[in-house]
Amino acid sequence: MAKVKSEIELAIVDVYAMLKNREVHPSGSFDKAGRFYAEHGELISVRSPSRAYPYSQMQACRTLKYVKAIVEHFGCTSKEEILKLI
């Protein structure tokens, strides 16, 4: 028998696919040197952006692990809520 996924699990996978395919972008800001700083950087464990790796946090924000962390931290119950916070 196949495992039935809940609505929120399907929403997490959908949002992850959207991030992966560059349909949506993680929220954050760039500094003058072009380094990206995630808005919810406390939810990821990754090196700080540098001139050599300016998108380290952006790459971390495009992972399934990050989407799950957003859902758990903010208690999202729908795809729309996740998209507002990503």
C-alpha atoms as a PDB file:
ATOM      1  CA  MET A   1       0.000   0.000   0.000  1.00  0.00           C
ATOM      2  CA  ALA A   2       1.354   3.433  -0.952  1.00  0.00           C
ATOM      3  CA  LYS A   3       2.096   5.999   1.718  1.00  0.00           C
ATOM      4  CA  VAL A   4      -0.389   8.857   1.671  1.00  0.00           C
ATOM      5  CA  LYS A   5       1.227  12.271   2.041  1.00  0.00           C
ATOM      6  CA  SER A   6      -0.463  15.049   3.950  1.00  0.00           C
ATOM      7  CA  GLU A   7      -1.352  18.393   2.393  1.00  0.00           C
ATOM      8  CA  ILE A   8       1.536  20.174   4.089  1.00  0.00           C
ATOM      9  CA  GLU A   9       4.047  17.541   2.944  1.00  0.00           C
ATOM     10  CA  LEU A  10       2.872  18.033  -0.646  1.00  0.00           C
ATOM     11  CA  ALA A  11       3.096  21.808  -0.219  1.00  0.00           C
ATOM     12  CA  ILE A  12       6.683  21.493   1.073  1.00  0.00           C
ATOM     13  CA  VAL A  13       7.683  19.429  -1.964  1.00  0.00           C
ATOM     14  CA  ASP A  14       5.923  21.871  -4.332  1.00  0.00           C
ATOM     15  CA  VAL A  15       7.671  24.903  -2.833  1.00  0.00           C
ATOM     16  CA  TYR A  16      11.020  23.106  -2.921  1.00  0.00           C
ATOM     17  CA  ALA A  17      10.504  22.330  -6.627  1.00  0.00           C
ATOM     18  CA  MET A  18       9.633  25.978  -7.277  1.00  0.00           C
ATOM     19  CA  LEU A  19      12.827  27.122  -5.533  1.00  0.00           C
ATOM     20  CA  LYS A  20      14.912  24.526  -7.342  1.00  0.00           C
ATOM     21  CA  ASN A  21      13.505  25.563 -10.735  1.00  0.00           C
ATOM     22  CA  ARG A  22      13.962  29.282  -9.935  1.00  0.00           C
ATOM     23  CA  GLU A  23      10.210  29.987 -10.153  1.00  0.00           C
ATOM     24  CA  VAL A  24      10.407  31.726  -6.751  1.00  0.00           C
ATOM     25  CA  HIS A  25      13.397  33.184  -4.966  1.00  0.00           C
ATOM     26  CA  PRO A  26      14.401  33.150  -1.298  1.00  0.00           C
ATOM     27  CA  SER A  27      13.861  36.401   0.579  1.00  0.00           C
ATOM     28  CA  GLY A  28      16.965  38.291   1.579  1.00  0.00           C
ATOM     29  CA  SER A  29      19.215  41.120   0.526  1.00  0.00           C
ATOM     30  CA  PHE A  30      22.454  41.822  -1.278  1.00  0.00           C
ATOM     31  CA  ASP A  31      25.256  43.995   0.001  1.00  0.00           C
ATOM     32  CA  LYS A  32      27.402  46.306  -2.143  1.00  0.00           C
ATOM     33  CA  ALA A  33      29.839  43.459  -2.899  1.00  0.00           C
ATOM     34  CA  GLY A  34      27.015  41.274  -4.285  1.00  0.00           C
ATOM     35  CA  ARG A  35      26.810  38.849  -1.362  1.00  0.00           C
ATOM     36  CA  PHE A  36      23.365  37.439  -0.582  1.00  0.00           C
ATOM     37  CA  TYR A  37      22.138  37.381   3.022  1.00  0.00           C
ATOM     38  CA  ALA A  38      19.004  35.314   3.723  1.00  0.00           C
ATOM     39  CA  GLU A  39      16.167  36.937   5.659  1.00  0.00           C
ATOM     40  CA  HIS A  40      15.820  33.821   7.808  1.00  0.00           C
ATOM     41  CA  GLY A  41      19.520  33.014   8.034  1.00  0.00           C
ATOM     42  CA  GLU A  42      19.114  31.674  11.563  1.00  0.00           C
ATOM     43  CA  LEU A  43      17.324  28.628  10.142  1.00  0.00           C
ATOM     44  CA  ILE A  44      20.258  27.486   8.018  1.00  0.00           C
ATOM     45  CA  SER A  45      23.676  26.233   8.958  1.00  0.00           C
ATOM     46  CA  VAL A  46      26.026  27.436   6.254  1.00  0.00           C
ATOM     47  CA  ARG A  47      29.147  29.573   5.898  1.00  0.00           C
ATOM     48  CA  SER A  48      28.761  33.334   5.772  1.00  0.00           C
ATOM     49  CA  PRO A  49      28.766  34.816   2.287  1.00  0.00           C
ATOM     50  CA  SER A  50      32.171  35.958   1.074  1.00  0.00           C
ATOM     51  CA  ARG A  51      33.608  37.355  -2.134  1.00  0.00           C
ATOM     52  CA  ALA A  52      34.586  33.820  -3.143  1.00  0.00           C
ATOM     53  CA  TYR A  53      31.165  32.336  -2.238  1.00  0.00           C
ATOM     54  CA  PRO A  54      28.621  35.167  -2.432  1.00  0.00           C
ATOM     55  CA  TYR A  55      25.585  32.893  -2.820  1.00  0.00           C
ATOM     56  CA  SER A  56      26.250  30.340  -0.077  1.00  0.00           C
ATOM     57  CA  GLN A  57      23.123  31.319   1.858  1.00  0.00           C
ATOM     58  CA  MET A  58      21.003  31.514  -1.305  1.00  0.00           C
ATOM     59  CA  GLN A  59      21.971  27.958  -2.226  1.00  0.00           C
ATOM     60  CA  ALA A  60      21.098  26.769   1.277  1.00  0.00           C
ATOM     61  CA  CYS A  61      17.706  28.483   0.991  1.00  0.00           C
ATOM     62  CA  ARG A  62      16.889  26.435  -2.104  1.00  0.00           C
ATOM     63  CA  THR A  63      16.984  23.110  -0.226  1.00  0.00           C
ATOM     64  CA  LEU A  64      14.217  20.863   1.049  1.00  0.00           C
ATOM     65  CA  LYS A  65      15.762  21.089   4.511  1.00  0.00           C
ATOM     66  CA  TYR A  66      15.276  24.890   4.516  1.00  0.00           C
ATOM     67  CA  VAL A  67      11.637  24.650   3.410  1.00  0.00           C
ATOM     68  CA  LYS A  68      10.960  22.142   6.196  1.00  0.00           C
ATOM     69  CA  ALA A  69      12.690  24.451   8.707  1.00  0.00           C
ATOM     70  CA  ILE A  70      10.466  27.371   7.624  1.00  0.00           C
ATOM     71  CA  VAL A  71       7.337  25.236   8.090  1.00  0.00           C
ATOM     72  CA  GLU A  72       8.411  24.002  11.526  1.00  0.00           C
ATOM     73  CA  HIS A  73       9.623  27.382  12.792  1.00  0.00           C
ATOM     74  CA  PHE A  74       6.603  29.412  11.676  1.00  0.00           C
ATOM     75  CA  GLY A  75       3.938  26.674  11.877  1.00  0.00           C
ATOM     76  CA  CYS A  76       2.800  27.033   8.272  1.00  0.00           C
ATOM     77  CA  THR A  77      -0.346  25.167   7.300  1.00  0.00           C
ATOM     78  CA  SER A  78      -0.593  25.941   3.570  1.00  0.00           C
ATOM     79  CA  LYS A  79       1.497  26.451   0.473  1.00  0.00           C
ATOM     80  CA  GLU A  80       0.571  30.134   0.384  1.00  0.00           C
ATOM     81  CA  GLU A  81       1.915  30.677   3.918  1.00  0.00           C
ATOM     82  CA  ILE A  82       5.201  28.985   3.000  1.00  0.00           C
ATOM     83  CA  LEU A  83       5.587  31.116  -0.127  1.00  0.00           C
ATOM     84  CA  LYS A  84       5.068  34.314   1.892  1.00  0.00           C
ATOM     85  CA  LEU A  85       7.905  33.357   4.230  1.00  0.00           C
ATOM     86  CA  ILE A  86      10.398  31.883   1.748  1.00  0.00           C
END
